[in-house]
Amino acid sequence: MNKSEKFWNKLSGKYDTRAKKLGDHIYIETVKITKRHLHINDIVLDYACGTGIITNEFSDNVKEIHAIDISSGMIDVAKRKASETYNPI
């Protein structure tokens, strides 16, 4: 495990709270702007997805999302959040 992964793994449990305090409006605007360009048949790659704080916002707007990150801790949080919000019919 390299230094970057260790650093982000350490932050993964608190990342969403800290990120929102620093700039919740940035996330809201990013989601709004990006959704304008998405279509239901799109396949999205979210590179450096972190905890999926933005990724999960797109799940109803696209066919599928592939999310990757250097931090396994961040991916674990993103997977947990995705499974909590995904409700198959």
Protein backbone atom coordinates (compact mmCIF):
# COMPACT_ATOMS: atom_id res chain seq x y z
CA MET A 1 0.00 0.00 0.00
CA ASN A 2 1.44 3.39 -0.98
CA LYS A 3 1.34 6.67 0.98
CA SER A 4 -1.59 8.05 -1.00
CA GLU A 5 -3.76 5.03 -0.36
CA LYS A 6 -2.90 5.07 3.35
CA PHE A 7 -3.75 8.76 3.57
CA TRP A 8 -7.15 8.40 1.86
CA ASN A 9 -7.98 5.17 3.69
CA LYS A 10 -7.46 7.02 6.96
CA LEU A 11 -9.89 9.77 5.88
CA SER A 12 -12.52 7.51 4.33
CA GLY A 13 -14.74 7.24 7.42
CA LYS A 14 -14.97 11.01 7.88
CA TYR A 15 -14.58 12.23 4.32
CA ASP A 16 -18.22 13.06 3.56
CA THR A 17 -18.68 15.11 6.71
CA ARG A 18 -15.47 17.07 6.18
CA ALA A 19 -16.06 17.56 2.45
CA LYS A 20 -19.58 18.90 3.00
CA LYS A 21 -18.36 21.37 5.62
CA LEU A 22 -15.76 22.67 3.20
CA GLY A 23 -18.02 23.09 0.23
CA ASP A 24 -21.49 21.54 0.14
CA HIS A 25 -22.47 24.08 -2.51
CA ILE A 26 -19.65 22.82 -4.74
CA TYR A 27 -21.06 19.28 -4.70
CA ILE A 28 -24.60 20.50 -5.34
CA GLU A 29 -23.53 22.60 -8.32
CA THR A 30 -21.32 19.82 -9.71
CA VAL A 31 -24.24 17.39 -9.63
CA LYS A 32 -26.66 19.88 -11.22
CA ILE A 33 -24.30 20.77 -14.05
CA THR A 34 -23.29 17.18 -14.76
CA LYS A 35 -26.86 15.84 -14.76
CA ARG A 36 -27.67 18.16 -17.66
CA HIS A 37 -25.25 16.15 -19.81
CA LEU A 38 -26.29 12.65 -18.76
CA HIS A 39 -28.66 10.34 -20.60
CA ILE A 40 -30.37 7.18 -19.42
CA ASN A 41 -28.30 4.99 -21.79
CA ASP A 42 -24.95 6.46 -20.72
CA ILE A 43 -22.24 4.44 -19.02
CA VAL A 44 -20.19 6.61 -16.67
CA LEU A 45 -16.66 6.21 -15.35
CA ASP A 46 -16.09 8.08 -12.10
CA TYR A 47 -12.33 8.25 -11.65
CA ALA A 48 -11.30 9.11 -8.07
CA CYS A 49 -14.85 8.53 -6.87
CA GLY A 50 -13.94 8.73 -3.20
CA THR A 51 -16.92 7.70 -1.08
CA GLY A 52 -19.35 8.00 -3.96
CA ILE A 53 -20.63 11.33 -2.65
CA ILE A 54 -21.31 12.45 -6.22
CA THR A 55 -21.44 9.07 -7.98
CA ASN A 56 -24.61 7.95 -6.22
CA GLU A 57 -26.38 11.13 -7.28
CA PHE A 58 -26.16 9.97 -10.91
CA SER A 59 -27.42 6.43 -10.45
CA ASP A 60 -30.99 7.18 -11.57
CA ASN A 61 -29.83 9.15 -14.60
CA VAL A 62 -27.59 6.61 -16.36
CA LYS A 63 -27.49 2.98 -17.43
CA GLU A 64 -24.49 2.10 -15.25
CA ILE A 65 -21.59 3.63 -13.37
CA HIS A 66 -18.07 2.29 -12.94
CA ALA A 67 -16.41 3.99 -9.99
CA ILE A 68 -12.72 3.62 -9.14
CA ASP A 69 -10.43 5.09 -6.52
CA ILE A 70 -6.89 4.53 -5.23
CA SER A 71 -8.24 4.00 -1.71
CA SER A 72 -9.85 0.69 -0.83
CA GLY A 73 -11.32 2.41 2.24
CA MET A 74 -13.09 4.98 0.07
CA ILE A 75 -14.37 2.22 -2.22
CA ASP A 76 -15.73 0.30 0.78
CA VAL A 77 -17.69 3.37 1.90
CA ALA A 78 -18.93 4.00 -1.67
CA LYS A 79 -20.10 0.38 -2.01
CA ARG A 80 -21.93 0.55 1.31
CA LYS A 81 -23.66 3.79 0.35
CA ALA A 82 -24.58 2.44 -3.09
CA SER A 83 -26.14 -0.69 -1.60
CA GLU A 84 -28.13 1.43 0.86
CA THR A 85 -29.54 3.66 -1.88
CA TYR A 86 -30.05 1.04 -4.60
CA ASN A 87 -33.57 -0.37 -4.59
CA PRO A 88 -34.10 -2.82 -7.45
CA ILE A 89 -37.69 -3.17 -8.68
